[in-house]
C-alpha atoms as a PDB file:
ATOM      1  CA  MET A   1      15.570   2.197 -41.210  1.00  0.00           C
ATOM      2  CA  LYS A   2      13.438   5.353 -41.339  1.00  0.00           C
ATOM      3  CA  HIS A   3      10.317   3.174 -40.932  1.00  0.00           C
ATOM      4  CA  HIS A   4      11.751   1.533 -37.811  1.00  0.00           C
ATOM      5  CA  ARG A   5      12.703   4.903 -36.361  1.00  0.00           C
ATOM      6  CA  LEU A   6       9.242   6.286 -37.077  1.00  0.00           C
ATOM      7  CA  THR A   7       7.585   3.243 -35.466  1.00  0.00           C
ATOM      8  CA  ALA A   8       9.800   3.508 -32.407  1.00  0.00           C
ATOM      9  CA  GLY A   9       9.056   7.219 -32.176  1.00  0.00           C
ATOM     10  CA  LEU A  10       5.316   6.585 -32.327  1.00  0.00           C
ATOM     11  CA  ARG A  11       5.589   3.920 -29.620  1.00  0.00           C
ATOM     12  CA  LEU A  12       7.496   6.278 -27.338  1.00  0.00           C
ATOM     13  CA  ALA A  13       5.005   9.041 -27.989  1.00  0.00           C
ATOM     14  CA  GLY A  14       2.149   6.655 -27.218  1.00  0.00           C
ATOM     15  CA  LEU A  15       3.792   5.511 -24.018  1.00  0.00           C
ATOM     16  CA  ALA A  16       4.421   9.101 -22.933  1.00  0.00           C
ATOM     17  CA  GLY A  17       0.800   9.949 -23.635  1.00  0.00           C
ATOM     18  CA  LEU A  18      -0.403   6.948 -21.635  1.00  0.00           C
ATOM     19  CA  LEU A  19       1.808   7.888 -18.684  1.00  0.00           C
ATOM     20  CA  ALA A  20       0.615  11.478 -18.811  1.00  0.00           C
ATOM     21  CA  CYS A  21      -2.992  10.312 -18.919  1.00  0.00           C
ATOM     22  CA  THR A  22      -2.477   7.927 -15.985  1.00  0.00           C
ATOM     23  CA  LEU A  23      -0.727  10.615 -13.942  1.00  0.00           C
ATOM     24  CA  GLY A  24      -3.448  13.108 -14.734  1.00  0.00           C
ATOM     25  CA  SER A  25      -6.113  10.614 -13.692  1.00  0.00           C
ATOM     26  CA  ALA A  26      -4.306   9.854 -10.401  1.00  0.00           C
ATOM     27  CA  LEU A  27      -3.963  13.563  -9.600  1.00  0.00           C
ATOM     28  CA  ALA A  28      -7.621  14.158 -10.394  1.00  0.00           C
ATOM     29  CA  GLN A  29      -8.616  11.253  -8.142  1.00  0.00           C
ATOM     30  CA  GLU A  30      -6.471  12.605  -5.333  1.00  0.00           C
ATOM     31  CA  ALA A  31      -8.058  16.036  -5.749  1.00  0.00           C
ATOM     32  CA  VAL A  32     -11.541  14.522  -5.390  1.00  0.00           C
ATOM     33  CA  ILE A  33     -10.552  12.691  -2.206  1.00  0.00           C
ATOM     34  CA  ARG A  34      -8.933  15.767  -0.670  1.00  0.00           C
ATOM     35  CA  LYS A  35     -11.866  18.040  -1.576  1.00  0.00           C
ATOM     36  CA  ASN A  36     -14.603  15.741  -0.277  1.00  0.00           C
ATOM     37  CA  LEU A  37     -12.868  14.884   2.976  1.00  0.00           C
ATOM     38  CA  ALA A  38     -11.928  18.511   3.708  1.00  0.00           C
ATOM     39  CA  GLU A  39     -15.556  19.561   3.228  1.00  0.00           C
ATOM     40  CA  ARG A  40     -17.015  16.726   5.298  1.00  0.00           C
ATOM     41  CA  LEU A  41     -14.309  16.279   7.936  1.00  0.00           C
ATOM     42  CA  PRO A  42     -12.452  19.566   8.595  1.00  0.00           C
ATOM     43  CA  ALA A  43      -9.934  17.678  10.761  1.00  0.00           C
ATOM     44  CA  LEU A  44      -8.722  16.092   7.514  1.00  0.00           C
ATOM     45  CA  SER A  45      -8.310  19.373   5.654  1.00  0.00           C
ATOM     46  CA  LYS A  46      -4.523  18.918   5.813  1.00  0.00           C
ATOM     47  CA  ILE A  47      -3.617  15.521   4.371  1.00  0.00           C
ATOM     48  CA  ASP A  48       0.126  14.972   3.899  1.00  0.00           C
ATOM     49  CA  GLU A  49      -0.172  12.300   1.226  1.00  0.00           C
ATOM     50  CA  VAL A  50      -2.749  10.279  -0.716  1.00  0.00           C
ATOM     51  CA  SER A  51      -1.594   7.021  -2.290  1.00  0.00           C
ATOM     52  CA  LYS A  52      -3.036   3.800  -3.682  1.00  0.00           C
ATOM     53  CA  THR A  53      -2.851   0.626  -1.628  1.00  0.00           C
ATOM     54  CA  PRO A  54      -2.487  -2.950  -2.934  1.00  0.00           C
ATOM     55  CA  MET A  55      -6.230  -3.366  -2.329  1.00  0.00           C
ATOM     56  CA  ASN A  56      -8.273  -2.349  -5.363  1.00  0.00           C
ATOM     57  CA  GLY A  57     -10.201   0.885  -4.808  1.00  0.00           C
ATOM     58  CA  LEU A  58      -8.634   1.614  -1.416  1.00  0.00           C
ATOM     59  CA  TYR A  59      -6.465   4.687  -0.835  1.00  0.00           C
ATOM     60  CA  GLU A  60      -4.087   5.458   2.013  1.00  0.00           C
ATOM     61  CA  LEU A  61      -4.219   8.837   3.714  1.00  0.00           C
ATOM     62  CA  ARG A  62      -1.166  10.016   5.662  1.00  0.00           C
ATOM     63  CA  VAL A  63      -1.901  12.712   8.238  1.00  0.00           C
ATOM     64  CA  ASN A  64       0.273  14.386  10.917  1.00  0.00           C
ATOM     65  CA  ASP A  65       3.423  12.829   9.439  1.00  0.00           C
ATOM     66  CA  SER A  66       2.652   9.199  10.318  1.00  0.00           C
ATOM     67  CA  ASP A  67      -1.051   8.734  11.146  1.00  0.00           C
ATOM     68  CA  ILE A  68      -2.631   6.359   8.620  1.00  0.00           C
ATOM     69  CA  PHE A  69      -6.276   6.225   7.460  1.00  0.00           C
ATOM     70  CA  TYR A  70      -7.930   4.610   4.440  1.00  0.00           C
ATOM     71  CA  THR A  71     -10.701   5.775   2.124  1.00  0.00           C
ATOM     72  CA  ASP A  72     -12.444   4.906  -1.138  1.00  0.00           C
ATOM     73  CA  ALA A  73     -11.899   6.673  -4.468  1.00  0.00           C
ATOM     74  CA  GLU A  74     -14.360   9.467  -3.632  1.00  0.00           C
ATOM     75  CA  GLY A  75     -13.732   9.958   0.065  1.00  0.00           C
ATOM     76  CA  ASN A  76     -17.206   8.695   0.948  1.00  0.00           C
ATOM     77  CA  PHE A  77     -15.940   6.316   3.624  1.00  0.00           C
ATOM     78  CA  LEU A  78     -13.108   6.563   6.137  1.00  0.00           C
ATOM     79  CA  ILE A  79     -11.409   3.564   7.748  1.00  0.00           C
ATOM     80  CA  GLN A  80      -9.089   3.600  10.733  1.00  0.00           C
ATOM     81  CA  GLY A  81      -7.357   0.305  11.438  1.00  0.00           C
ATOM     82  CA  ASN A  82      -4.863  -2.212  10.134  1.00  0.00           C
ATOM     83  CA  LEU A  83      -4.634  -3.374   6.526  1.00  0.00           C
ATOM     84  CA  ILE A  84      -3.516  -7.014   6.553  1.00  0.00           C
ATOM     85  CA  ASP A  85      -2.108  -8.892   3.554  1.00  0.00           C
ATOM     86  CA  THR A  86      -3.509 -12.341   4.339  1.00  0.00           C
ATOM     87  CA  ARG A  87      -1.505 -14.114   1.641  1.00  0.00           C
ATOM     88  CA  ALA A  88       1.829 -12.760   2.798  1.00  0.00           C
ATOM     89  CA  LYS A  89       0.696 -12.609   6.454  1.00  0.00           C
ATOM     90  CA  ARG A  90       1.905  -9.011   6.735  1.00  0.00           C
ATOM     91  CA  ASN A  91       0.433  -6.063   8.609  1.00  0.00           C
ATOM     92  CA  LEU A  92       0.852  -3.410   5.914  1.00  0.00           C
ATOM     93  CA  THR A  93      -0.325  -0.576   8.162  1.00  0.00           C
ATOM     94  CA  GLU A  94       2.136  -1.453  10.902  1.00  0.00           C
ATOM     95  CA  GLU A  95       4.993  -1.716   8.397  1.00  0.00           C
ATOM     96  CA  ARG A  96       4.087   1.662   6.913  1.00  0.00           C
ATOM     97  CA  VAL A  97       3.909   3.394  10.300  1.00  0.00           C
ATOM     98  CA  GLU A  98       7.236   1.863  11.344  1.00  0.00           C
ATOM     99  CA  LYS A  99       8.836   3.153   8.157  1.00  0.00           C
ATOM    100  CA  LEU A 100       7.363   6.634   8.578  1.00  0.00           C
ATOM    101  CA  SER A 101       8.391   6.869  12.234  1.00  0.00           C
ATOM    102  CA  ALA A 102      11.833   5.318  11.818  1.00  0.00           C
ATOM    103  CA  ILE A 103      14.617   7.124  13.644  1.00  0.00           C
ATOM    104  CA  GLU A 104      18.251   7.281  12.628  1.00  0.00           C
ATOM    105  CA  PHE A 105      20.197   6.416  15.770  1.00  0.00           C
ATOM    106  CA  ASP A 106      22.643   9.284  15.194  1.00  0.00           C
ATOM    107  CA  SER A 107      19.736  11.735  15.063  1.00  0.00           C
ATOM    108  CA  LEU A 108      18.525  10.935  18.596  1.00  0.00           C
ATOM    109  CA  PRO A 109      18.753  14.039  20.850  1.00  0.00           C
ATOM    110  CA  LEU A 110      21.335  12.498  23.181  1.00  0.00           C
ATOM    111  CA  LYS A 111      21.777  15.745  25.110  1.00  0.00           C
ATOM    112  CA  ASP A 112      18.367  14.997  26.646  1.00  0.00           C
ATOM    113  CA  ALA A 113      19.403  11.524  27.823  1.00  0.00           C
ATOM    114  CA  PHE A 114      21.854  10.292  30.437  1.00  0.00           C
ATOM    115  CA  THR A 115      24.446   7.750  29.388  1.00  0.00           C
ATOM    116  CA  GLN A 116      25.947   4.621  30.941  1.00  0.00           C
ATOM    117  CA  VAL A 117      29.078   3.013  29.486  1.00  0.00           C
ATOM    118  CA  ARG A 118      29.871  -0.566  30.413  1.00  0.00           C
ATOM    119  CA  GLY A 119      33.092  -2.315  29.462  1.00  0.00           C
ATOM    120  CA  ASN A 120      34.383  -1.058  26.118  1.00  0.00           C
ATOM    121  CA  GLY A 121      30.973   0.513  25.329  1.00  0.00           C
ATOM    122  CA  LYS A 122      31.310  -0.329  21.630  1.00  0.00           C
ATOM    123  CA  ARG A 123      27.750  -1.576  21.252  1.00  0.00           C
ATOM    124  CA  LYS A 124      24.961   0.998  21.540  1.00  0.00           C
ATOM    125  CA  LEU A 125      21.303   1.202  22.423  1.00  0.00           C
ATOM    126  CA  ALA A 126      18.855   3.897  23.479  1.00  0.00           C
ATOM    127  CA  VAL A 127      15.783   3.314  25.605  1.00  0.00           C
ATOM    128  CA  PHE A 128      12.736   5.462  26.414  1.00  0.00           C
ATOM    129  CA  GLU A 129      11.388   4.697  29.885  1.00  0.00           C
ATOM    130  CA  ASP A 130       9.017   5.806  32.639  1.00  0.00           C
ATOM    131  CA  PRO A 131      10.237   5.320  36.224  1.00  0.00           C
ATOM    132  CA  ASN A 132       6.852   3.897  37.253  1.00  0.00           C
ATOM    133  CA  CYS A 133       6.819   1.311  34.462  1.00  0.00           C
ATOM    134  CA  GLY A 134       7.007  -2.227  35.856  1.00  0.00           C
ATOM    135  CA  TYR A 135       8.139  -3.615  32.499  1.00  0.00           C
ATOM    136  CA  CYS A 136      10.942  -1.031  32.469  1.00  0.00           C
ATOM    137  CA  LYS A 137      12.137  -2.313  35.846  1.00  0.00           C
ATOM    138  CA  ARG A 138      12.218  -5.850  34.487  1.00  0.00           C
ATOM    139  CA  PHE A 139      14.070  -4.646  31.398  1.00  0.00           C
ATOM    140  CA  GLU A 140      16.650  -2.755  33.491  1.00  0.00           C
ATOM    141  CA  ARG A 141      17.305  -5.804  35.645  1.00  0.00           C
ATOM    142  CA  ASP A 142      17.904  -7.945  32.558  1.00  0.00           C
ATOM    143  CA  LEU A 143      20.053  -5.182  31.068  1.00  0.00           C
ATOM    144  CA  GLN A 144      22.431  -5.539  34.039  1.00  0.00           C
ATOM    145  CA  LYS A 145      23.614  -8.796  32.481  1.00  0.00           C
ATOM    146  CA  VAL A 146      24.765  -7.094  29.270  1.00  0.00           C
ATOM    147  CA  GLU A 147      28.370  -5.900  29.023  1.00  0.00           C
ATOM    148  CA  ASP A 148      30.438  -3.818  26.559  1.00  0.00           C
ATOM    149  CA  VAL A 149      27.536  -1.512  25.793  1.00  0.00           C
ATOM    150  CA  THR A 150      26.680   2.197  25.839  1.00  0.00           C
ATOM    151  CA  ILE A 151      23.140   2.884  27.045  1.00  0.00           C
ATOM    152  CA  HIS A 152      21.364   6.203  26.447  1.00  0.00           C
ATOM    153  CA  THR A 153      18.293   6.540  28.692  1.00  0.00           C
ATOM    154  CA  PHE A 154      15.501   8.982  27.837  1.00  0.00           C
ATOM    155  CA  LEU A 155      13.013   9.685  30.621  1.00  0.00           C
ATOM    156  CA  ILE A 156       9.428  10.054  29.391  1.00  0.00           C
ATOM    157  CA  PRO A 157       7.031  10.438  32.345  1.00  0.00           C
ATOM    158  CA  ILE A 158       3.782   9.332  30.709  1.00  0.00           C
ATOM    159  CA  LEU A 159       2.103   7.087  33.287  1.00  0.00           C
ATOM    160  CA  SER A 160       1.173   9.460  36.113  1.00  0.00           C
ATOM    161  CA  ALA A 161       1.904  12.729  37.893  1.00  0.00           C
ATOM    162  CA  ASP A 162       4.173  10.741  40.193  1.00  0.00           C
ATOM    163  CA  SER A 163       6.167   9.687  37.119  1.00  0.00           C
ATOM    164  CA  VAL A 164       6.888  13.362  36.501  1.00  0.00           C
ATOM    165  CA  GLU A 165       8.087  13.858  40.067  1.00  0.00           C
ATOM    166  CA  LYS A 166      10.305  10.774  40.032  1.00  0.00           C
ATOM    167  CA  SER A 167      11.738  11.696  36.625  1.00  0.00           C
ATOM    168  CA  LYS A 168      12.608  15.204  37.801  1.00  0.00           C
ATOM    169  CA  ASN A 169      14.345  13.864  40.915  1.00  0.00           C
ATOM    170  CA  ILE A 170      16.382  11.391  38.859  1.00  0.00           C
ATOM    171  CA  TRP A 171      17.253  13.939  36.170  1.00  0.00           C
ATOM    172  CA  CYS A 172      18.360  16.474  38.791  1.00  0.00           C
ATOM    173  CA  ALA A 173      20.408  13.989  40.850  1.00  0.00           C
ATOM    174  CA  LYS A 174      24.172  14.553  41.030  1.00  0.00           C
ATOM    175  CA  ASP A 175      24.691  11.054  39.588  1.00  0.00           C
ATOM    176  CA  ARG A 176      21.766  10.330  37.261  1.00  0.00           C
ATOM    177  CA  ASN A 177      22.880   6.804  36.421  1.00  0.00           C
ATOM    178  CA  LYS A 178      23.170   5.833  40.085  1.00  0.00           C
ATOM    179  CA  ALA A 179      19.829   7.444  40.965  1.00  0.00           C
ATOM    180  CA  TRP A 180      18.191   5.633  38.059  1.00  0.00           C
ATOM    181  CA  LEU A 181      19.586   2.202  38.864  1.00  0.00           C
ATOM    182  CA  ASP A 182      18.998   2.654  42.601  1.00  0.00           C
ATOM    183  CA  TRP A 183      15.312   3.102  41.829  1.00  0.00           C
ATOM    184  CA  MET A 184      14.806   0.713  38.901  1.00  0.00           C
ATOM    185  CA  VAL A 185      16.991  -2.161  40.156  1.00  0.00           C
ATOM    186  CA  ARG A 186      17.173  -1.695  43.938  1.00  0.00           C
ATOM    187  CA  ASP A 187      13.842   0.069  44.676  1.00  0.00           C
ATOM    188  CA  GLN A 188      15.574   2.978  46.387  1.00  0.00           C
ATOM    189  CA  PRO A 189      13.851   6.265  45.404  1.00  0.00           C
ATOM    190  CA  ALA A 190      15.912   9.288  44.446  1.00  0.00           C
ATOM    191  CA  ALA A 191      16.061  12.190  46.870  1.00  0.00           C
ATOM    192  CA  LYS A 192      13.984  15.232  46.033  1.00  0.00           C
ATOM    193  CA  ALA A 193      15.959  17.580  43.794  1.00  0.00           C
ATOM    194  CA  SER A 194      15.361  20.507  41.456  1.00  0.00           C
ATOM    195  CA  CYS A 195      17.038  21.793  38.316  1.00  0.00           C
ATOM    196  CA  ASP A 196      16.213  22.648  34.690  1.00  0.00           C
ATOM    197  CA  THR A 197      13.951  19.788  33.552  1.00  0.00           C
ATOM    198  CA  THR A 198      12.955  21.099  30.119  1.00  0.00           C
ATOM    199  CA  ALA A 199      14.758  18.048  28.685  1.00  0.00           C
ATOM    200  CA  LEU A 200      11.828  15.954  29.929  1.00  0.00           C
ATOM    201  CA  ASP A 201       9.400  18.166  27.998  1.00  0.00           C
ATOM    202  CA  ARG A 202      11.518  17.778  24.868  1.00  0.00           C
ATOM    203  CA  ASN A 203      11.576  14.006  25.364  1.00  0.00           C
ATOM    204  CA  LEU A 204       7.789  13.931  25.566  1.00  0.00           C
ATOM    205  CA  ALA A 205       7.475  16.019  22.392  1.00  0.00           C
ATOM    206  CA  PHE A 206       9.986  13.800  20.600  1.00  0.00           C
ATOM    207  CA  SER A 207       8.114  10.677  21.712  1.00  0.00           C
ATOM    208  CA  LYS A 208       4.828  12.074  20.463  1.00  0.00           C
ATOM    209  CA  LYS A 209       6.328  12.955  17.084  1.00  0.00           C
ATOM    210  CA  TYR A 210       7.828   9.500  16.602  1.00  0.00           C
ATOM    211  CA  LYS A 211       4.913   7.484  18.055  1.00  0.00           C
ATOM    212  CA  ILE A 212       6.794   6.226  21.093  1.00  0.00           C
ATOM    213  CA  THR A 213       3.636   5.449  23.049  1.00  0.00           C
ATOM    214  CA  GLY A 214       4.764   2.702  25.405  1.00  0.00           C
ATOM    215  CA  THR A 215       7.669   2.001  27.720  1.00  0.00           C
ATOM    216  CA  PRO A 216      10.201   0.641  27.444  1.00  0.00           C
ATOM    217  CA  THR A 217      10.893   1.326  23.769  1.00  0.00           C
ATOM    218  CA  VAL A 218      14.404   0.369  22.684  1.00  0.00           C
ATOM    219  CA  PHE A 219      16.397   1.583  19.682  1.00  0.00           C
ATOM    220  CA  PHE A 220      19.534  -0.114  18.404  1.00  0.00           C
ATOM    221  CA  ALA A 221      22.360   1.378  16.347  1.00  0.00           C
ATOM    222  CA  ASN A 222      20.969   0.061  13.042  1.00  0.00           C
ATOM    223  CA  GLY A 223      17.667   1.874  13.642  1.00  0.00           C
ATOM    224  CA  THR A 224      15.749  -1.198  14.810  1.00  0.00           C
ATOM    225  CA  ARG A 225      12.924  -0.283  17.193  1.00  0.00           C
ATOM    226  CA  VAL A 226      11.784  -2.859  19.751  1.00  0.00           C
ATOM    227  CA  PRO A 227       8.746  -1.997  21.898  1.00  0.00           C
ATOM    228  CA  GLY A 228       8.383  -3.679  25.271  1.00  0.00           C
ATOM    229  CA  ALA A 229      10.643  -5.388  27.795  1.00  0.00           C
ATOM    230  CA  ILE A 230      12.975  -7.888  26.158  1.00  0.00           C
ATOM    231  CA  SER A 231      15.272 -10.404  27.804  1.00  0.00           C
ATOM    232  CA  ALA A 232      19.060 -10.149  28.084  1.00  0.00           C
ATOM    233  CA  GLN A 233      19.282 -12.861  25.439  1.00  0.00           C
ATOM    234  CA  GLU A 234      17.140 -10.853  23.022  1.00  0.00           C
ATOM    235  CA  ILE A 235      19.115  -7.680  23.788  1.00  0.00           C
ATOM    236  CA  GLU A 236      22.330  -9.549  22.912  1.00  0.00           C
ATOM    237  CA  LYS A 237      20.751 -10.829  19.715  1.00  0.00           C
ATOM    238  CA  GLN A 238      19.672  -7.331  18.651  1.00  0.00           C
ATOM    239  CA  LEU A 239      23.076  -5.829  19.533  1.00  0.00           C
ATOM    240  CA  ALA A 240      24.828  -8.495  17.447  1.00  0.00           C
ATOM    241  CA  SER A 241      22.469  -7.833  14.517  1.00  0.00           C
ATOM    242  CA  ALA A 242      23.025  -4.077  14.790  1.00  0.00           C
ATOM    243  CA  THR A 243      26.806  -4.444  14.677  1.00  0.00           C
ATOM    244  CA  GLY A 244      26.833  -7.232  12.091  1.00  0.00           C
ATOM    245  CA  LYS A 245      28.614  -9.604  14.468  1.00  0.00           C
END
């Protein structure tokens, strides 16, 4: 019995030593990468995270919360692009960025959006849009076919200076929903208006932080993010998936 206990103890000690050695080696490797890149590329002096990838000898660098780069074990080479798993047919970079920039629906800053409630409003979605976005207009026209939904609209004027002007006029309108739909669905521009429009600045900052770079970008209650204009049928499908019905 004592022999078995001693053997087991030695095995555990050996395993602990191996783990400590592996961890120490990984930390040392990370230190080399950070040091070399900081010296050679000052813009990479603040790396959030260094981690191994499934590709032998390739390391992932996470910068500015969700920007992804790749490098070798000594930081001699820097790669910007997508890492594709050809066997599984998966874009590993895209999946990683989506995970890093995921947004909990309940954490959206709804005070900076205007809200439409249709029918019982039980189903929910949020959409980031530019008033000069043609795809957004198509999306809004398809969205008219969807009932029993609450829609939170965030204005992000990213396409032109005119987008800023139109967004301000819509945000400052007495009835934001009407002004929005008049323009997006019926091509009737909102009257010139003025008010506190710092919400638009916050929306732009939020979009930058969470990599919302195109319009429309739609979020559903389960956190699913869908970039681009989708049909009423696809909206219904996503709403059903988000509610589990």
